[in-house]
Amino acid sequence: MGFPGRGDALAREVPTRSGMDGDFVPRISRDELKAKLESATPPALFEVLPAGYWKKNHLPGARSAPPKEAVAIISGAVPDRNAEIVVYCWDHG
């Protein structure tokens, strides 16, 4: 499975950082994501960018969750609060 250019940011190993609500939000590498998506129980995958970006190019299996609608879309699509969810956005860095 290949990842388009915007997904390359997933390849970098980055440390776990604190989320806005104080919970820890783990970051995963490209290889970890690939393994999770190929597993028997893949996580729900969401691209948090404006819908136009998703229409143009997105990771296989990703659903669009534009920033202003992300919480509602993700909560509605994955009501189980214990489910594994992966969100990504473009990182030019």
N, C-alpha and C. Protein backbone atom coordinates (compact mmCIF):
# COMPACT_ATOMS: atom_id res chain seq x y z
N MET A 1 0.85 -1.16 0.00
CA MET A 1 0.00 0.00 0.00
C MET A 1 0.90 1.22 0.00
N GLY A 2 0.68 2.13 -0.91
CA GLY A 2 1.46 3.35 -0.96
C GLY A 2 0.68 4.51 -0.39
N PHE A 3 1.40 5.47 0.12
CA PHE A 3 0.78 6.67 0.65
C PHE A 3 1.11 7.84 -0.25
N PRO A 4 0.15 8.70 -0.57
CA PRO A 4 0.42 9.87 -1.37
C PRO A 4 1.31 10.85 -0.62
N GLY A 5 1.82 11.84 -1.33
CA GLY A 5 2.74 12.80 -0.78
C GLY A 5 2.36 13.40 0.55
N ARG A 6 1.09 13.77 0.74
CA ARG A 6 0.70 14.39 2.01
C ARG A 6 0.85 13.41 3.16
N GLY A 7 0.73 12.12 2.90
CA GLY A 7 0.86 11.14 3.97
C GLY A 7 2.28 10.91 4.41
N ASP A 8 3.26 11.44 3.67
CA ASP A 8 4.64 11.24 4.03
C ASP A 8 4.97 11.78 5.41
N ALA A 9 4.22 12.76 5.88
CA ALA A 9 4.45 13.31 7.22
C ALA A 9 4.26 12.21 8.27
N LEU A 10 3.48 11.18 7.97
CA LEU A 10 3.26 10.09 8.91
C LEU A 10 4.52 9.26 9.10
N ALA A 11 5.47 9.37 8.17
CA ALA A 11 6.66 8.54 8.23
C ALA A 11 7.60 8.95 9.35
N ARG A 12 7.52 10.19 9.78
CA ARG A 12 8.43 10.65 10.82
C ARG A 12 7.99 10.16 12.18
N GLU A 13 8.94 9.70 12.96
CA GLU A 13 8.65 9.32 14.33
C GLU A 13 8.57 10.60 15.16
N VAL A 14 7.48 10.81 15.83
CA VAL A 14 7.36 11.98 16.69
C VAL A 14 6.91 11.51 18.07
N PRO A 15 7.35 12.18 19.11
CA PRO A 15 6.98 11.75 20.46
C PRO A 15 5.51 12.03 20.76
N THR A 16 5.03 11.34 21.76
CA THR A 16 3.67 11.57 22.23
C THR A 16 3.58 12.98 22.79
N ARG A 17 2.49 13.67 22.48
CA ARG A 17 2.28 15.03 22.95
C ARG A 17 0.95 15.12 23.68
N SER A 18 0.82 16.09 24.49
CA SER A 18 -0.42 16.27 25.23
C SER A 18 -1.47 16.90 24.33
N GLY A 19 -2.68 16.37 24.36
CA GLY A 19 -3.77 16.92 23.56
C GLY A 19 -4.33 18.17 24.22
N MET A 20 -5.20 18.86 23.49
CA MET A 20 -5.77 20.10 24.00
C MET A 20 -6.58 19.90 25.28
N ASP A 21 -7.18 18.73 25.44
CA ASP A 21 -8.00 18.50 26.62
C ASP A 21 -7.19 17.91 27.77
N GLY A 22 -5.89 17.81 27.60
CA GLY A 22 -5.04 17.29 28.66
C GLY A 22 -4.77 15.80 28.53
N ASP A 23 -5.52 15.09 27.72
CA ASP A 23 -5.24 13.67 27.51
C ASP A 23 -4.02 13.54 26.61
N PHE A 24 -3.35 12.40 26.73
CA PHE A 24 -2.21 12.18 25.85
C PHE A 24 -2.69 11.61 24.53
N VAL A 25 -2.19 12.16 23.46
CA VAL A 25 -2.56 11.73 22.12
C VAL A 25 -1.32 11.11 21.49
N PRO A 26 -1.31 9.80 21.32
CA PRO A 26 -0.12 9.17 20.73
C PRO A 26 0.00 9.48 19.25
N ARG A 27 1.20 9.56 18.79
CA ARG A 27 1.49 9.72 17.37
C ARG A 27 2.08 8.41 16.89
N ILE A 28 1.79 8.05 15.64
CA ILE A 28 2.31 6.80 15.10
C ILE A 28 3.07 7.07 13.81
N SER A 29 3.93 6.15 13.48
CA SER A 29 4.72 6.27 12.25
C SER A 29 3.92 5.75 11.07
N ARG A 30 4.42 6.00 9.91
CA ARG A 30 3.80 5.51 8.68
C ARG A 30 3.70 3.98 8.69
N ASP A 31 4.79 3.33 9.13
CA ASP A 31 4.79 1.87 9.17
C ASP A 31 3.79 1.32 10.18
N GLU A 32 3.67 2.00 11.32
CA GLU A 32 2.68 1.57 12.32
C GLU A 32 1.26 1.72 11.77
N LEU A 33 1.00 2.83 11.09
CA LEU A 33 -0.32 3.03 10.50
C LEU A 33 -0.61 1.97 9.46
N LYS A 34 0.35 1.71 8.62
CA LYS A 34 0.18 0.69 7.57
C LYS A 34 -0.18 -0.65 8.19
N ALA A 35 0.54 -1.04 9.25
CA ALA A 35 0.27 -2.32 9.92
C ALA A 35 -1.12 -2.33 10.53
N LYS A 36 -1.51 -1.23 11.16
CA LYS A 36 -2.84 -1.15 11.77
C LYS A 36 -3.94 -1.27 10.72
N LEU A 37 -3.75 -0.59 9.59
CA LEU A 37 -4.77 -0.61 8.54
C LEU A 37 -4.88 -1.98 7.88
N GLU A 38 -3.81 -2.75 7.91
CA GLU A 38 -3.82 -4.09 7.32
C GLU A 38 -4.23 -5.16 8.32
N SER A 39 -4.46 -4.78 9.57
CA SER A 39 -4.81 -5.75 10.61
C SER A 39 -6.26 -6.19 10.48
N ALA A 40 -6.61 -7.18 11.28
CA ALA A 40 -7.99 -7.70 11.28
C ALA A 40 -8.98 -6.68 11.83
N THR A 41 -8.49 -5.76 12.66
CA THR A 41 -9.35 -4.73 13.25
C THR A 41 -8.72 -3.35 13.02
N PRO A 42 -8.80 -2.85 11.80
CA PRO A 42 -8.19 -1.55 11.51
C PRO A 42 -8.91 -0.41 12.23
N PRO A 43 -8.18 0.64 12.54
CA PRO A 43 -8.81 1.80 13.16
C PRO A 43 -9.64 2.58 12.15
N ALA A 44 -10.54 3.40 12.66
CA ALA A 44 -11.25 4.33 11.79
C ALA A 44 -10.25 5.42 11.41
N LEU A 45 -10.20 5.77 10.14
CA LEU A 45 -9.20 6.71 9.63
C LEU A 45 -9.89 7.95 9.06
N PHE A 46 -9.48 9.12 9.53
CA PHE A 46 -10.08 10.38 9.11
C PHE A 46 -9.02 11.39 8.70
N GLU A 47 -9.28 12.07 7.60
CA GLU A 47 -8.44 13.19 7.17
C GLU A 47 -9.12 14.47 7.65
N VAL A 48 -8.41 15.24 8.48
CA VAL A 48 -8.97 16.47 9.03
C VAL A 48 -8.38 17.65 8.25
N LEU A 49 -8.92 17.84 7.09
CA LEU A 49 -8.57 18.93 6.17
C LEU A 49 -9.86 19.33 5.45
N PRO A 50 -9.90 20.50 4.83
CA PRO A 50 -11.08 20.86 4.04
C PRO A 50 -11.40 19.76 3.02
N ALA A 51 -12.68 19.55 2.75
CA ALA A 51 -13.14 18.45 1.88
C ALA A 51 -12.48 18.44 0.51
N GLY A 52 -12.13 19.60 -0.01
CA GLY A 52 -11.49 19.65 -1.32
C GLY A 52 -10.18 18.88 -1.37
N TYR A 53 -9.44 18.90 -0.29
CA TYR A 53 -8.18 18.14 -0.24
C TYR A 53 -8.47 16.65 -0.27
N TRP A 54 -9.48 16.22 0.49
CA TRP A 54 -9.84 14.81 0.53
C TRP A 54 -10.28 14.34 -0.85
N LYS A 55 -11.08 15.16 -1.55
CA LYS A 55 -11.56 14.79 -2.88
C LYS A 55 -10.40 14.64 -3.86
N LYS A 56 -9.38 15.46 -3.68
CA LYS A 56 -8.23 15.44 -4.59
C LYS A 56 -7.30 14.25 -4.30
N ASN A 57 -7.05 13.96 -3.02
CA ASN A 57 -6.09 12.93 -2.67
C ASN A 57 -6.19 12.62 -1.18
N HIS A 58 -6.32 11.35 -0.83
CA HIS A 58 -6.38 10.96 0.57
C HIS A 58 -5.84 9.54 0.73
N LEU A 59 -5.53 9.18 1.95
CA LEU A 59 -5.06 7.83 2.22
C LEU A 59 -6.18 6.84 1.96
N PRO A 60 -5.84 5.65 1.48
CA PRO A 60 -6.87 4.64 1.23
C PRO A 60 -7.69 4.35 2.48
N GLY A 61 -8.99 4.40 2.34
CA GLY A 61 -9.90 4.11 3.44
C GLY A 61 -10.21 5.29 4.34
N ALA A 62 -9.56 6.42 4.12
CA ALA A 62 -9.80 7.59 4.97
C ALA A 62 -11.13 8.23 4.64
N ARG A 63 -11.78 8.73 5.68
CA ARG A 63 -13.02 9.48 5.52
C ARG A 63 -12.72 10.96 5.74
N SER A 64 -13.44 11.80 5.07
CA SER A 64 -13.25 13.24 5.20
C SER A 64 -13.93 13.74 6.47
N ALA A 65 -13.18 14.54 7.24
CA ALA A 65 -13.71 15.19 8.44
C ALA A 65 -13.15 16.61 8.48
N PRO A 66 -13.72 17.51 7.68
CA PRO A 66 -13.22 18.89 7.66
C PRO A 66 -13.14 19.46 9.08
N PRO A 67 -12.14 20.31 9.33
CA PRO A 67 -11.88 20.80 10.70
C PRO A 67 -13.11 21.30 11.46
N LYS A 68 -13.95 22.10 10.83
CA LYS A 68 -15.11 22.66 11.54
C LYS A 68 -16.18 21.61 11.85
N GLU A 69 -16.12 20.47 11.17
CA GLU A 69 -17.11 19.42 11.35
C GLU A 69 -16.51 18.14 11.93
N ALA A 70 -15.22 18.13 12.19
CA ALA A 70 -14.52 16.90 12.56
C ALA A 70 -15.12 16.20 13.78
N VAL A 71 -15.35 16.93 14.84
CA VAL A 71 -15.87 16.30 16.06
C VAL A 71 -17.21 15.63 15.78
N ALA A 72 -18.11 16.31 15.11
CA ALA A 72 -19.44 15.74 14.83
C ALA A 72 -19.33 14.54 13.89
N ILE A 73 -18.53 14.65 12.85
CA ILE A 73 -18.39 13.55 11.89
C ILE A 73 -17.78 12.33 12.55
N ILE A 74 -16.68 12.53 13.27
CA ILE A 74 -15.99 11.39 13.89
C ILE A 74 -16.85 10.78 14.99
N SER A 75 -17.47 11.60 15.81
CA SER A 75 -18.35 11.08 16.88
C SER A 75 -19.52 10.29 16.30
N GLY A 76 -20.08 10.79 15.21
CA GLY A 76 -21.20 10.09 14.58
C GLY A 76 -20.79 8.80 13.91
N ALA A 77 -19.60 8.79 13.31
CA ALA A 77 -19.14 7.60 12.59
C ALA A 77 -18.59 6.53 13.54
N VAL A 78 -18.08 6.97 14.67
CA VAL A 78 -17.46 6.04 15.63
C VAL A 78 -18.02 6.35 17.03
N PRO A 79 -19.20 5.86 17.32
CA PRO A 79 -19.81 6.18 18.62
C PRO A 79 -19.13 5.50 19.82
N ASP A 80 -18.40 4.43 19.58
CA ASP A 80 -17.70 3.72 20.66
C ASP A 80 -16.49 4.55 21.10
N ARG A 81 -16.57 5.12 22.29
CA ARG A 81 -15.50 5.99 22.78
C ARG A 81 -14.20 5.25 23.05
N ASN A 82 -14.23 3.91 23.03
CA ASN A 82 -13.03 3.12 23.24
C ASN A 82 -12.42 2.63 21.93
N ALA A 83 -13.07 2.94 20.82
CA ALA A 83 -12.57 2.50 19.51
C ALA A 83 -11.29 3.24 19.15
N GLU A 84 -10.45 2.56 18.40
CA GLU A 84 -9.22 3.20 17.93
C GLU A 84 -9.54 4.07 16.72
N ILE A 85 -9.08 5.30 16.77
CA ILE A 85 -9.32 6.28 15.71
C ILE A 85 -7.98 6.90 15.34
N VAL A 86 -7.75 7.05 14.06
CA VAL A 86 -6.55 7.75 13.58
C VAL A 86 -7.01 8.94 12.77
N VAL A 87 -6.52 10.12 13.14
CA VAL A 87 -6.79 11.32 12.38
C VAL A 87 -5.46 11.84 11.85
N TYR A 88 -5.51 12.43 10.66
CA TYR A 88 -4.29 13.00 10.10
C TYR A 88 -4.63 14.26 9.34
N CYS A 89 -3.62 15.08 9.17
CA CYS A 89 -3.74 16.28 8.34
C CYS A 89 -2.39 16.50 7.67
N TRP A 90 -2.34 17.42 6.80
CA TRP A 90 -1.13 17.71 6.06
C TRP A 90 -0.13 18.41 6.96
N ASP A 91 1.14 18.04 6.81
CA ASP A 91 2.22 18.66 7.58
C ASP A 91 3.35 18.97 6.61
N HIS A 92 3.56 20.23 6.35
CA HIS A 92 4.59 20.62 5.39
C HIS A 92 5.99 20.51 5.96
N GLY A 93 6.12 20.24 7.24
CA GLY A 93 7.39 20.24 7.95
C GLY A 93 8.24 19.10 7.70
